[in-house]
C-alpha atoms as a PDB file:
ATOM      1  CA  MET A   1     -32.249 -30.579  -6.485  1.00  0.00           C
ATOM      2  CA  ASN A   2     -31.239 -30.294 -10.360  1.00  0.00           C
ATOM      3  CA  THR A   3     -28.058 -29.699 -11.612  1.00  0.00           C
ATOM      4  CA  ARG A   4     -28.648 -26.420 -12.807  1.00  0.00           C
ATOM      5  CA  THR A   5     -30.210 -25.178  -9.445  1.00  0.00           C
ATOM      6  CA  CYS A   6     -27.363 -27.003  -7.552  1.00  0.00           C
ATOM      7  CA  SER A   7     -24.672 -24.765  -9.688  1.00  0.00           C
ATOM      8  CA  LEU A   8     -26.383 -21.621  -8.907  1.00  0.00           C
ATOM      9  CA  CYS A   9     -26.415 -22.658  -5.297  1.00  0.00           C
ATOM     10  CA  VAL A  10     -22.623 -22.591  -5.448  1.00  0.00           C
ATOM     11  CA  SER A  11     -22.241 -19.758  -7.856  1.00  0.00           C
ATOM     12  CA  VAL A  12     -24.135 -17.883  -4.974  1.00  0.00           C
ATOM     13  CA  LEU A  13     -22.130 -19.402  -2.212  1.00  0.00           C
ATOM     14  CA  PHE A  14     -18.574 -18.236  -3.298  1.00  0.00           C
ATOM     15  CA  LEU A  15     -20.111 -14.610  -4.460  1.00  0.00           C
ATOM     16  CA  ALA A  16     -21.628 -14.146  -0.459  1.00  0.00           C
ATOM     17  CA  ILE A  17     -17.814 -15.820   0.233  1.00  0.00           C
ATOM     18  CA  ALA A  18     -15.861 -13.296  -1.324  1.00  0.00           C
ATOM     19  CA  LEU A  19     -18.159 -10.425   0.150  1.00  0.00           C
ATOM     20  CA  VAL A  20     -17.711 -11.021   3.911  1.00  0.00           C
ATOM     21  CA  PHE A  21     -13.920 -11.653   2.913  1.00  0.00           C
ATOM     22  CA  GLY A  22     -13.423  -8.518   0.915  1.00  0.00           C
ATOM     23  CA  ALA A  23     -15.723  -6.154   2.861  1.00  0.00           C
ATOM     24  CA  GLY A  24     -12.985  -4.890   5.020  1.00  0.00           C
ATOM     25  CA  CYS A  25     -10.515  -4.834   2.571  1.00  0.00           C
ATOM     26  CA  LEU A  26     -11.833  -2.259  -0.445  1.00  0.00           C
ATOM     27  CA  SER A  27     -11.776   1.552   0.293  1.00  0.00           C
ATOM     28  CA  THR A  28     -11.134   5.263  -1.376  1.00  0.00           C
ATOM     29  CA  THR A  29      -7.680   6.019  -2.741  1.00  0.00           C
ATOM     30  CA  ASN A  30      -5.358   7.792   0.054  1.00  0.00           C
ATOM     31  CA  VAL A  31      -3.224  10.556  -1.532  1.00  0.00           C
ATOM     32  CA  GLU A  32      -0.171  12.055   0.663  1.00  0.00           C
ATOM     33  CA  ASP A  33       2.864  13.971   0.330  1.00  0.00           C
ATOM     34  CA  ASN A  34       5.878  14.389   2.779  1.00  0.00           C
ATOM     35  CA  ALA A  35       9.180  15.859   2.965  1.00  0.00           C
ATOM     36  CA  ALA A  36      12.979  15.181   4.632  1.00  0.00           C
ATOM     37  CA  GLY A  37      14.688  18.240   3.480  1.00  0.00           C
ATOM     38  CA  LEU A  38      14.914  18.664  -0.016  1.00  0.00           C
ATOM     39  CA  ILE A  39      13.719  15.288  -0.827  1.00  0.00           C
ATOM     40  CA  HIS A  40      10.066  15.129  -1.591  1.00  0.00           C
ATOM     41  CA  THR A  41       7.688  12.291  -1.774  1.00  0.00           C
ATOM     42  CA  HIS A  42       3.873  11.539  -3.595  1.00  0.00           C
ATOM     43  CA  TYR A  43       2.318   8.505  -2.813  1.00  0.00           C
ATOM     44  CA  GLN A  44      -0.917   7.123  -2.719  1.00  0.00           C
ATOM     45  CA  TYR A  45      -2.340   3.918  -1.580  1.00  0.00           C
ATOM     46  CA  GLN A  46      -5.185   1.656  -2.056  1.00  0.00           C
ATOM     47  CA  ASP A  47      -6.836  -1.687   0.482  1.00  0.00           C
ATOM     48  CA  SER A  48      -7.515  -4.406  -2.472  1.00  0.00           C
ATOM     49  CA  TRP A  49      -8.012  -8.081  -1.804  1.00  0.00           C
ATOM     50  CA  SER A  50      -6.876 -11.364  -4.556  1.00  0.00           C
ATOM     51  CA  PRO A  51      -6.707 -14.795  -4.344  1.00  0.00           C
ATOM     52  CA  GLU A  52      -2.998 -14.748  -4.133  1.00  0.00           C
ATOM     53  CA  TYR A  53      -2.463 -12.080  -1.760  1.00  0.00           C
ATOM     54  CA  GLY A  54      -5.493 -11.855   0.616  1.00  0.00           C
ATOM     55  CA  CYS A  55      -6.243  -8.383   1.770  1.00  0.00           C
ATOM     56  CA  TYR A  56      -2.993  -5.832   1.443  1.00  0.00           C
ATOM     57  CA  ASP A  57      -2.479  -2.227   0.377  1.00  0.00           C
ATOM     58  CA  ASP A  58      -1.508  -1.530  -2.766  1.00  0.00           C
ATOM     59  CA  LEU A  59       1.192   1.746  -2.946  1.00  0.00           C
ATOM     60  CA  THR A  60       2.176   3.499  -5.407  1.00  0.00           C
ATOM     61  CA  GLY A  61       4.210   6.847  -5.172  1.00  0.00           C
ATOM     62  CA  TYR A  62       7.497   9.366  -6.829  1.00  0.00           C
ATOM     63  CA  VAL A  63      10.244  10.903  -4.650  1.00  0.00           C
ATOM     64  CA  TYR A  64      12.323  13.777  -5.912  1.00  0.00           C
ATOM     65  CA  ASN A  65      14.990  16.019  -5.227  1.00  0.00           C
ATOM     66  CA  THR A  66      14.203  19.529  -5.362  1.00  0.00           C
ATOM     67  CA  GLY A  67      17.618  20.598  -3.644  1.00  0.00           C
ATOM     68  CA  ASN A  68      20.758  21.672  -5.996  1.00  0.00           C
ATOM     69  CA  VAL A  69      23.032  18.564  -4.249  1.00  0.00           C
ATOM     70  CA  SER A  70      22.942  14.865  -4.811  1.00  0.00           C
ATOM     71  CA  THR A  71      21.268  12.349  -2.557  1.00  0.00           C
ATOM     72  CA  ASP A  72      23.215   9.424  -2.059  1.00  0.00           C
ATOM     73  CA  ASN A  73      21.906   6.146  -0.935  1.00  0.00           C
ATOM     74  CA  LEU A  74      18.088   7.436  -0.264  1.00  0.00           C
ATOM     75  CA  LYS A  75      15.720   4.845   1.715  1.00  0.00           C
ATOM     76  CA  LEU A  76      12.400   5.159   2.356  1.00  0.00           C
ATOM     77  CA  ASP A  77      10.522   3.065   5.237  1.00  0.00           C
ATOM     78  CA  PHE A  78       7.057   2.340   4.914  1.00  0.00           C
ATOM     79  CA  ASN A  79       4.621   0.935   7.571  1.00  0.00           C
ATOM     80  CA  LEU A  80       1.395  -0.527   7.713  1.00  0.00           C
ATOM     81  CA  VAL A  81      -0.476   1.060  10.600  1.00  0.00           C
ATOM     82  CA  ASN A  82      -3.698  -0.160  12.226  1.00  0.00           C
ATOM     83  CA  THR A  83      -5.633   2.969  12.730  1.00  0.00           C
ATOM     84  CA  GLY A  84      -7.866   1.439  15.320  1.00  0.00           C
ATOM     85  CA  THR A  85      -4.854  -0.570  17.837  1.00  0.00           C
ATOM     86  CA  GLY A  86      -1.515   1.864  16.380  1.00  0.00           C
ATOM     87  CA  THR A  87       0.187  -1.164  16.002  1.00  0.00           C
ATOM     88  CA  ILE A  88       2.495  -1.936  12.866  1.00  0.00           C
ATOM     89  CA  ARG A  89       0.523  -5.022  10.921  1.00  0.00           C
ATOM     90  CA  ASP A  90       3.650  -5.172   7.877  1.00  0.00           C
ATOM     91  CA  SER A  91       6.805  -2.697   6.588  1.00  0.00           C
ATOM     92  CA  ARG A  92       8.769  -2.436   3.656  1.00  0.00           C
ATOM     93  CA  SER A  93      11.613  -0.626   2.549  1.00  0.00           C
ATOM     94  CA  ILE A  94      12.320   0.570  -0.705  1.00  0.00           C
ATOM     95  CA  TYR A  95      15.978   1.839  -1.808  1.00  0.00           C
ATOM     96  CA  ILE A  96      16.196   4.536  -4.189  1.00  0.00           C
ATOM     97  CA  GLY A  97      19.541   4.826  -3.983  1.00  0.00           C
ATOM     98  CA  ASN A  98      21.474   8.429  -5.500  1.00  0.00           C
ATOM     99  CA  LEU A  99      19.273  10.895  -5.821  1.00  0.00           C
ATOM    100  CA  GLY A 100      20.975  13.979  -8.012  1.00  0.00           C
ATOM    101  CA  PRO A 101      19.745  17.430  -8.645  1.00  0.00           C
ATOM    102  CA  GLY A 102      15.693  17.536  -9.968  1.00  0.00           C
ATOM    103  CA  GLN A 103      15.685  14.030 -10.574  1.00  0.00           C
ATOM    104  CA  THR A 104      12.487  11.596  -9.935  1.00  0.00           C
ATOM    105  CA  GLN A 105      12.373   8.583  -9.023  1.00  0.00           C
ATOM    106  CA  ASN A 106       8.762   6.218  -9.028  1.00  0.00           C
ATOM    107  CA  TYR A 107       8.395   3.012  -6.732  1.00  0.00           C
ATOM    108  CA  GLU A 108       5.955   0.366  -5.872  1.00  0.00           C
ATOM    109  CA  THR A 109       5.024  -1.995  -2.759  1.00  0.00           C
ATOM    110  CA  ILE A 110       2.309  -3.988  -1.136  1.00  0.00           C
ATOM    111  CA  LEU A 111       1.731  -4.128   2.287  1.00  0.00           C
ATOM    112  CA  ASP A 112      -0.022  -6.904   3.900  1.00  0.00           C
ATOM    113  CA  GLY A 113      -2.897  -6.136   5.892  1.00  0.00           C
ATOM    114  CA  GLU A 114      -6.242  -8.218   7.645  1.00  0.00           C
ATOM    115  CA  CYS A 115      -9.653  -7.838   5.935  1.00  0.00           C
ATOM    116  CA  SER A 116     -11.551  -7.118   8.939  1.00  0.00           C
ATOM    117  CA  GLN A 117      -9.060  -3.827  10.275  1.00  0.00           C
ATOM    118  CA  ASP A 118      -8.672  -0.587   9.072  1.00  0.00           C
ATOM    119  CA  TYR A 119      -4.821   0.912   8.066  1.00  0.00           C
ATOM    120  CA  ARG A 120      -2.942   3.650   7.254  1.00  0.00           C
ATOM    121  CA  VAL A 121       0.769   4.158   5.207  1.00  0.00           C
ATOM    122  CA  ASP A 122       3.220   6.081   7.800  1.00  0.00           C
ATOM    123  CA  ILE A 123       6.730   7.072   6.195  1.00  0.00           C
ATOM    124  CA  ALA A 124      10.277   7.597   6.970  1.00  0.00           C
ATOM    125  CA  PHE A 125      13.455   8.773   4.971  1.00  0.00           C
ATOM    126  CA  GLU A 126      16.854   6.935   5.636  1.00  0.00           C
ATOM    127  CA  ASN A 127      19.632   9.427   4.145  1.00  0.00           C
ATOM    128  CA  PRO A 128      17.996  11.897   3.090  1.00  0.00           C
END
């Protein structure tokens, strides 16, 4: 086997490995809205894969105050839940802090998953 053929074989092998490991990780973007009283959040998440993190869910969104009073020490708790078993795979808390009337705050985080599983993201508000 010459060098060119060997190089092609290695490239095909790496491509096959990447497809096998990434097969369960790539999906459409999920969009959610949630509210607790006058505090509302809109977020989206998508399964992703990278050599650094492996399979993970990339979550971005914003929270906003629809009321006429400030909310102090607001925190958002996110859980990555396995849709097949109902178990929590990973959790993240995002501290928002004070959110005045009409204010909006953006946020972003990642949640660690496994490539062969399907997940949903659940949210809970603390101190809304």
